[in-house]
Amino acid sequence: MGGRDMDGQDVLLIAGFIVLALLALIGILAVVVHRLAAAMGAAHAPVDGYDRRLEIWGEQVPGNRLESKRADMNIGRGGNLFLYRLKFFADLTGERFRDVERTMDTFTWLYEIQGGYELPTYEDRPYLVPYLAAGSDRGVIVLPGGGFGYKSMDGEYGEGRDVARTLQRHGVSAFVLHYRANPYEYPVPLLDVQRAVRYLKYHAGALGLDPDKLGLLGFSAGGALVGGHINLVRGQDLFPEGYAPDEVDRMDDSVAAPAMIYPGLTFRYTPRALFGLFDAGAVRDPERRAQLVEGTDMVRYACRSARLPQFVAWGTRDRIVGVKGPAEYVRSARAAGAEVAEVVARGKGHAFGQRYYMADYLAWLDQVLSRAGEKPEQTSVERTR
């Protein structure tokens, strides 16, 4: 039997099926991209608990001024938020220095400022989002990451809300800090951490906290801020000229339990991230860049926190902050006499989940805060996952 030739009606039918298939494929891709963008924080979801935020500064906010941020930023024309997010993380990865100012600034502008999380002028007001545990006198300030280009608590929940709720369920009041980053420059983010500690101590009575039972828990760039607070800033006055300290600023800024999860503790292996904290001109200049790296190297200054028990968790396949920095910091801190509880997440990259560190962290935190005010003893929480 011979087959008949296709006529015009058959061609139209086949073409119709092809068009329908293409439309269905486009629809599926649109859904996938939207969900992926939302999962990656590119959908501008609200900050959890924003309506109950506690602003940590008074009338004066050191580092703020009535000027446009855009004038100080190298922002590319146009720009797709989803694609710039991918480029942001790709450009930050690597030990070799490269100029990534435009990527950093464009992503910050698209995500943080156009997304509504930060203002277009230098008038942001840092705040804490509280997750109070009834009857608890223990508190932990949670510092989300974001490579200093954004805060992961903005539209995401893994390093902010979810961690805070876990602490809350285990009888620890958590306070997620929305700190200032790019285009603000060093030491502004660390001033926000220092102020957050002092704010909680000043208001400890109203919040039901024991000021001697406070901890810091930072992730990635937030972990760098924890390391920076205990090794570079604690006990120092880094306020800019013209700022008048208030009663809160006179509070002690020490913490009992600093913890760092996949932290960036030296810029020796992440030099491109300097663009998120320092003037771009200084970062580009090799001599000045070397000075910035040396002056902020927590590995070098770990001796300053030798009396503090510390917790560090890092993954052996971390390609964002690398594996050398956290390991070197632990060795340096221990050599200086610090008691460091270490969790090594074997085979894990950056931003691994709670199941790889939280149980050990909670056990360590309970041990440290239970003896708060006493002479530290050797911690027993240390193992390799």
Protein backbone atom coordinates (compact mmCIF):
# COMPACT_ATOMS: atom_id res chain seq x y z
CA MET A 1 0.00 0.00 0.00
CA GLY A 2 1.41 3.43 -0.93
CA GLY A 3 1.21 6.40 1.47
CA ARG A 4 -0.56 9.53 0.42
CA ASP A 5 1.25 12.82 0.07
CA MET A 6 0.69 15.46 2.74
CA ASP A 7 -1.67 18.18 1.72
CA GLY A 8 -1.91 21.72 3.02
CA GLN A 9 -4.23 20.68 5.87
CA ASP A 10 -1.69 18.14 7.18
CA VAL A 11 1.09 20.74 7.13
CA LEU A 12 -1.03 23.20 9.08
CA LEU A 13 -1.91 20.49 11.63
CA ILE A 14 1.74 19.59 12.18
CA ALA A 15 2.71 23.25 12.42
CA GLY A 16 -0.02 23.76 14.98
CA PHE A 17 1.30 20.92 17.12
CA ILE A 18 4.82 22.35 16.92
CA VAL A 19 3.61 25.79 18.00
CA LEU A 20 1.67 24.32 20.92
CA ALA A 21 4.70 22.29 21.99
CA LEU A 22 6.91 25.39 21.86
CA LEU A 23 4.43 27.42 23.87
CA ALA A 24 4.23 24.65 26.46
CA LEU A 25 8.03 24.50 26.64
CA ILE A 26 8.27 28.28 27.05
CA GLY A 27 5.68 28.13 29.83
CA ILE A 28 7.58 25.39 31.64
CA LEU A 29 10.86 27.29 31.31
CA ALA A 30 9.22 30.46 32.60
CA VAL A 31 7.98 28.62 35.71
CA VAL A 32 11.38 27.01 36.27
CA VAL A 33 13.25 30.30 35.90
CA HIS A 34 10.78 32.08 38.21
CA ARG A 35 11.12 29.41 40.89
CA LEU A 36 14.88 29.32 40.53
CA ALA A 37 15.04 33.09 40.76
CA ALA A 38 12.86 33.03 43.86
CA ALA A 39 15.03 30.30 45.39
CA MET A 40 18.11 32.41 44.67
CA GLY A 41 16.61 35.50 46.22
CA ALA A 42 15.90 37.30 42.96
CA ALA A 43 12.17 37.69 43.48
CA HIS A 44 12.29 40.51 46.06
CA ALA A 45 10.48 38.64 48.81
CA PRO A 46 10.01 40.64 52.02
CA VAL A 47 12.34 40.47 55.01
CA ASP A 48 10.79 38.12 57.54
CA GLY A 49 9.77 39.99 60.70
CA TYR A 50 10.47 43.44 59.27
CA ASP A 51 7.37 44.86 60.96
CA ARG A 52 8.78 44.06 64.41
CA ARG A 53 12.34 45.25 63.73
CA LEU A 54 14.41 47.01 66.39
CA GLU A 55 16.45 49.90 65.01
CA ILE A 56 19.81 49.81 66.76
CA TRP A 57 21.05 53.39 66.24
CA GLY A 58 19.68 56.62 67.66
CA GLU A 59 19.22 59.88 65.77
CA GLN A 60 22.80 59.77 64.53
CA VAL A 61 23.96 56.82 62.45
CA PRO A 62 27.74 56.87 61.92
CA GLY A 63 28.63 56.48 58.26
CA ASN A 64 25.31 57.86 57.01
CA ARG A 65 24.92 61.04 54.98
CA LEU A 66 22.37 62.69 52.73
CA GLU A 67 24.04 61.78 49.45
CA SER A 68 23.21 59.49 46.56
CA LYS A 69 24.84 56.07 46.51
CA ARG A 70 24.67 55.92 42.74
CA ALA A 71 27.29 58.67 42.45
CA ASP A 72 29.79 56.33 44.16
CA MET A 73 28.84 53.16 42.29
CA ASN A 74 30.00 51.71 38.99
CA ILE A 75 26.64 50.47 37.69
CA GLY A 76 26.32 48.78 34.33
CA ARG A 77 23.58 49.79 31.94
CA GLY A 78 20.40 47.77 32.05
CA GLY A 79 21.13 44.49 33.73
CA ASN A 80 19.10 41.39 34.50
CA LEU A 81 18.96 40.67 38.22
CA PHE A 82 18.95 36.90 37.83
CA LEU A 83 21.94 36.92 35.48
CA TYR A 84 23.84 39.44 37.59
CA ARG A 85 23.36 37.25 40.62
CA LEU A 86 25.02 34.38 38.81
CA LYS A 87 27.80 36.70 37.64
CA PHE A 88 28.22 38.11 41.14
CA PHE A 89 29.07 34.75 42.67
CA ALA A 90 31.13 33.66 39.69
CA ASP A 91 33.21 36.83 39.80
CA LEU A 92 33.84 36.57 43.55
CA THR A 93 35.24 33.06 43.22
CA GLY A 94 38.98 32.64 42.82
CA GLU A 95 42.30 33.51 44.47
CA ARG A 96 43.58 35.61 41.57
CA PHE A 97 42.74 39.30 41.77
CA ARG A 98 40.43 40.75 39.14
CA ASP A 99 38.50 44.01 38.94
CA VAL A 100 34.87 43.10 39.72
CA GLU A 101 33.68 46.52 40.90
CA ARG A 102 31.02 46.83 38.20
CA THR A 103 29.61 43.39 38.90
CA MET A 104 29.52 44.07 42.65
CA ASP A 105 27.94 47.51 42.32
CA THR A 106 25.42 46.54 39.65
CA PHE A 107 24.21 43.54 41.63
CA THR A 108 23.95 45.61 44.81
CA TRP A 109 21.98 48.27 42.96
CA LEU A 110 19.59 45.81 41.32
CA TYR A 111 19.08 43.57 44.33
CA GLU A 112 19.36 45.70 47.43
CA ILE A 113 18.38 49.18 46.28
CA GLN A 114 15.92 48.61 43.45
CA GLY A 115 14.61 45.66 45.44
CA GLY A 116 13.64 48.03 48.25
CA TYR A 117 15.86 46.54 50.95
CA GLU A 118 18.15 49.57 51.06
CA LEU A 119 17.72 53.27 50.25
CA PRO A 120 19.27 54.99 47.21
CA THR A 121 20.93 57.42 49.63
CA TYR A 122 23.28 56.80 52.55
CA GLU A 123 20.43 56.97 55.08
CA ASP A 124 19.82 53.31 55.91
CA ARG A 125 18.93 52.41 59.48
CA PRO A 126 20.31 49.01 60.53
CA TYR A 127 18.01 46.85 62.60
CA LEU A 128 17.57 43.57 64.45
CA VAL A 129 14.68 41.19 63.84
CA PRO A 130 13.90 39.47 67.18
CA TYR A 131 12.84 35.85 67.66
CA LEU A 132 12.32 35.73 71.41
CA ALA A 133 12.38 32.45 73.35
CA ALA A 134 10.01 32.67 76.30
CA GLY A 135 11.76 32.46 79.65
CA SER A 136 15.27 32.41 78.19
CA ASP A 137 18.06 34.73 79.26
CA ARG A 138 20.31 33.67 76.37
CA GLY A 139 20.66 35.59 73.13
CA VAL A 140 22.46 35.18 69.81
CA ILE A 141 22.89 37.79 67.08
CA VAL A 142 22.61 36.10 63.68
CA LEU A 143 24.63 37.65 60.84
CA PRO A 144 23.55 36.45 57.36
CA GLY A 145 26.06 36.37 54.52
CA GLY A 146 25.99 37.91 51.06
CA GLY A 147 29.57 38.64 50.01
CA PHE A 148 29.14 42.25 51.23
CA GLY A 149 27.12 42.87 48.06
CA TYR A 150 23.75 42.06 49.63
CA LYS A 151 22.28 40.41 52.74
CA SER A 152 20.92 36.89 52.35
CA MET A 153 18.11 37.72 54.80
CA ASP A 154 16.75 39.97 52.03
CA GLY A 155 14.43 37.62 50.17
CA GLU A 156 16.03 34.43 51.53
CA TYR A 157 15.63 32.57 54.80
CA GLY A 158 18.37 29.95 55.20
CA GLU A 159 20.88 32.14 57.05
CA GLY A 160 18.41 34.35 58.85
CA ARG A 161 14.85 33.37 59.71
CA ASP A 162 15.37 29.59 59.59
CA VAL A 163 18.43 29.71 61.83
CA ALA A 164 16.71 32.11 64.23
CA ARG A 165 13.68 29.84 64.51
CA THR A 166 15.89 26.85 65.28
CA LEU A 167 17.59 28.78 68.07
CA GLN A 168 14.23 29.96 69.34
CA ARG A 169 12.91 26.38 69.47
CA HIS A 170 15.94 25.40 71.53
CA GLY A 171 15.43 28.12 74.12
CA VAL A 172 17.73 30.81 72.75
CA SER A 173 16.44 34.23 71.72
CA ALA A 174 17.78 35.12 68.27
CA PHE A 175 18.22 38.53 66.69
CA VAL A 176 18.92 38.70 62.95
CA LEU A 177 21.00 41.75 62.07
CA HIS A 178 20.38 43.77 58.91
CA TYR A 179 23.74 45.51 58.63
CA ARG A 180 25.04 47.97 56.06
CA ALA A 181 27.37 46.79 53.29
CA ASN A 182 28.30 47.92 49.75
CA PRO A 183 28.57 50.81 48.94
CA TYR A 184 29.23 51.60 52.62
CA GLU A 185 32.89 51.03 53.43
CA TYR A 186 34.90 49.57 56.29
CA PRO A 187 34.42 49.83 59.23
CA VAL A 188 30.69 50.59 58.80
CA PRO A 189 29.44 46.95 58.78
CA LEU A 190 31.54 46.22 61.86
CA LEU A 191 30.19 49.31 63.60
CA ASP A 192 26.71 47.84 63.10
CA VAL A 193 27.80 44.55 64.70
CA GLN A 194 29.40 46.36 67.61
CA ARG A 195 26.30 48.52 68.09
CA ALA A 196 23.99 45.47 67.93
CA VAL A 197 25.90 43.86 70.81
CA ARG A 198 25.73 47.04 72.85
CA TYR A 199 22.07 47.57 71.98
CA LEU A 200 21.10 44.15 73.36
CA LYS A 201 23.14 44.70 76.50
CA TYR A 202 21.59 48.13 77.03
CA HIS A 203 18.09 46.70 76.62
CA ALA A 204 18.84 43.35 78.27
CA GLY A 205 16.32 43.89 81.06
CA ALA A 206 13.45 44.65 78.71
CA LEU A 207 14.34 41.70 76.49
CA GLY A 208 14.88 39.28 79.37
CA LEU A 209 18.53 38.71 78.51
CA ASP A 210 21.60 38.13 80.63
CA PRO A 211 24.20 40.50 79.10
CA ASP A 212 26.90 37.94 79.89
CA LYS A 213 25.13 35.27 77.82
CA LEU A 214 25.30 36.70 74.34
CA GLY A 215 26.70 35.09 71.22
CA LEU A 216 27.35 35.91 67.58
CA LEU A 217 26.56 33.47 64.77
CA GLY A 218 27.73 34.55 61.32
CA PHE A 219 27.57 32.97 57.88
CA SER A 220 30.06 33.61 55.07
CA ALA A 221 30.48 37.42 55.00
CA GLY A 222 28.56 37.44 58.28
CA GLY A 223 31.16 35.03 59.63
CA ALA A 224 33.83 37.48 58.52
CA LEU A 225 32.05 40.16 60.57
CA VAL A 226 32.06 37.90 63.63
CA GLY A 227 35.78 37.32 63.19
CA GLY A 228 36.30 41.02 62.59
CA HIS A 229 34.40 41.96 65.71
CA ILE A 230 36.34 39.72 68.09
CA ASN A 231 39.76 40.24 66.46
CA LEU A 232 39.76 43.75 64.97
CA VAL A 233 37.06 45.96 66.51
CA ARG A 234 36.11 44.74 69.97
CA GLY A 235 36.88 47.36 72.61
CA GLN A 236 37.88 50.00 70.08
CA ASP A 237 36.39 53.34 69.06
CA LEU A 238 36.22 53.48 65.25
CA PHE A 239 33.50 56.13 65.04
CA PRO A 240 33.93 58.73 62.31
CA GLU A 241 34.65 62.33 63.13
CA GLY A 242 31.52 64.25 64.05
CA TYR A 243 29.66 61.32 65.63
CA ALA A 244 28.64 61.86 69.26
CA PRO A 245 28.51 58.54 71.18
CA ASP A 246 25.39 57.98 73.28
CA GLU A 247 24.61 55.84 76.32
CA VAL A 248 24.36 52.66 74.25
CA ASP A 249 27.86 53.22 72.85
CA ARG A 250 29.22 53.21 76.38
CA MET A 251 28.13 49.60 76.93
CA ASP A 252 30.65 46.76 76.85
CA ASP A 253 30.87 45.15 73.39
CA SER A 254 32.21 41.73 74.38
CA VAL A 255 30.39 38.48 73.60
CA ALA A 256 30.63 35.07 75.24
CA ALA A 257 30.12 32.77 72.27
CA PRO A 258 31.30 33.81 68.78
CA ALA A 259 30.57 31.29 66.00
CA MET A 260 31.50 31.38 62.32
CA ILE A 261 29.95 29.17 59.62
CA TYR A 262 31.80 28.84 56.27
CA PRO A 263 33.40 32.22 57.06
CA GLY A 264 35.71 34.40 55.01
CA LEU A 265 38.43 35.16 57.55
CA THR A 266 41.13 36.45 55.23
CA PHE A 267 41.11 38.23 51.88
CA ARG A 268 44.31 36.49 50.85
CA TYR A 269 42.24 33.86 49.06
CA THR A 270 39.27 36.09 48.15
CA PRO A 271 40.83 39.41 47.07
CA ARG A 272 37.93 40.35 44.76
CA ALA A 273 35.58 40.58 47.75
CA LEU A 274 37.54 43.66 48.86
CA PHE A 275 35.41 45.66 46.41
CA GLY A 276 32.46 45.15 48.78
CA LEU A 277 34.21 46.80 51.73
CA PHE A 278 36.77 49.31 50.48
CA ASP A 279 37.29 52.14 48.02
CA ALA A 280 37.71 50.69 44.52
CA GLY A 281 40.74 52.84 43.80
CA ALA A 282 42.54 51.49 46.85
CA VAL A 283 41.60 47.93 45.96
CA ARG A 284 42.99 48.28 42.42
CA ASP A 285 46.35 49.61 43.62
CA PRO A 286 48.58 46.57 44.38
CA GLU A 287 50.42 48.18 47.30
CA ARG A 288 47.31 49.53 48.98
CA ARG A 289 45.46 46.29 48.33
CA ALA A 290 48.21 44.37 50.10
CA GLN A 291 47.85 46.72 53.08
CA LEU A 292 44.08 46.16 53.20
CA VAL A 293 44.51 42.39 53.08
CA GLU A 294 47.14 42.45 55.83
CA GLY A 295 45.20 44.84 58.06
CA THR A 296 42.02 42.73 58.00
CA ASP A 297 43.59 39.26 58.15
CA MET A 298 41.88 37.49 61.04
CA VAL A 299 44.39 34.65 60.78
CA ARG A 300 47.11 37.11 61.68
CA TYR A 301 45.15 38.74 64.51
CA ALA A 302 43.56 35.63 66.01
CA CYS A 303 45.68 36.16 69.12
CA ARG A 304 43.40 39.05 70.07
CA SER A 305 40.52 36.66 70.76
CA ALA A 306 42.59 33.94 72.41
CA ARG A 307 40.53 34.08 75.62
CA LEU A 308 37.26 33.50 73.83
CA PRO A 309 35.82 30.04 73.14
CA GLN A 310 34.95 29.90 69.43
CA PHE A 311 33.05 27.71 66.99
CA VAL A 312 34.05 27.34 63.33
CA ALA A 313 32.38 25.16 60.68
CA TRP A 314 33.63 24.89 57.11
CA GLY A 315 33.28 22.66 54.07
CA THR A 316 36.12 20.90 52.29
CA ARG A 317 34.77 21.82 48.84
CA ASP A 318 34.01 25.49 49.44
CA ARG A 319 34.83 27.38 46.24
CA ILE A 320 33.51 30.76 47.44
CA VAL A 321 35.68 31.54 50.48
CA GLY A 322 37.97 28.59 49.90
CA VAL A 323 39.17 26.03 52.43
CA LYS A 324 42.54 27.49 53.37
CA GLY A 325 41.30 30.52 55.30
CA PRO A 326 39.04 28.81 57.85
CA ALA A 327 41.55 26.01 58.46
CA GLU A 328 44.41 28.47 58.92
CA TYR A 329 42.33 30.58 61.30
CA VAL A 330 41.53 27.58 63.49
CA ARG A 331 45.21 26.64 63.68
CA SER A 332 46.24 30.23 64.42
CA ALA A 333 43.59 30.71 67.11
CA ARG A 334 44.49 27.44 68.80
CA ALA A 335 48.18 28.29 68.67
CA ALA A 336 47.33 31.52 70.51
CA GLY A 337 45.51 29.54 73.20
CA ALA A 338 41.89 29.85 72.05
CA GLU A 339 39.49 26.97 72.56
CA VAL A 340 38.01 26.35 69.12
CA ALA A 341 35.27 23.81 68.47
CA GLU A 342 35.59 22.84 64.82
CA VAL A 343 33.20 21.06 62.49
CA VAL A 344 34.57 20.04 59.09
CA ALA A 345 31.81 19.23 56.59
CA ARG A 346 33.49 16.70 54.31
CA GLY A 347 32.62 17.04 50.64
CA LYS A 348 30.44 20.09 51.24
CA GLY A 349 30.74 23.41 49.47
CA HIS A 350 29.64 26.88 50.49
CA ALA A 351 26.32 27.48 52.24
CA PHE A 352 25.76 23.95 53.52
CA GLY A 353 22.64 23.45 55.61
CA GLN A 354 21.93 23.26 59.33
CA ARG A 355 22.13 19.49 59.50
CA TYR A 356 25.90 19.67 59.06
CA TYR A 357 26.62 21.97 62.01
CA MET A 358 23.58 22.89 64.08
CA ALA A 359 23.55 19.97 66.54
CA ASP A 360 27.22 20.51 67.35
CA TYR A 361 26.73 24.25 67.57
CA LEU A 362 23.80 24.00 69.97
CA ALA A 363 25.73 21.62 72.23
CA TRP A 364 28.74 23.95 72.20
CA LEU A 365 26.58 27.04 72.79
CA ASP A 366 24.86 25.45 75.77
CA GLN A 367 28.21 24.47 77.24
CA VAL A 368 29.74 27.92 76.77
CA LEU A 369 26.78 29.95 77.99
CA SER A 370 26.24 27.66 80.97
CA ARG A 371 29.65 28.63 82.27
CA ALA A 372 29.44 32.28 81.17
CA GLY A 373 31.37 34.45 83.58
CA GLU A 374 33.56 31.56 84.71
CA LYS A 375 37.05 30.62 83.55
CA PRO A 376 36.71 28.70 80.24
CA GLU A 377 37.42 24.99 80.19
CA GLN A 378 38.38 22.88 77.20
CA THR A 379 35.39 22.35 74.90
CA SER A 380 34.64 18.79 73.91
CA VAL A 381 32.61 19.52 70.78
CA GLU A 382 34.96 18.77 67.93
CA ARG A 383 34.53 16.25 65.16
CA THR A 384 34.76 15.76 61.46
CA ARG A 385 31.58 15.15 59.51
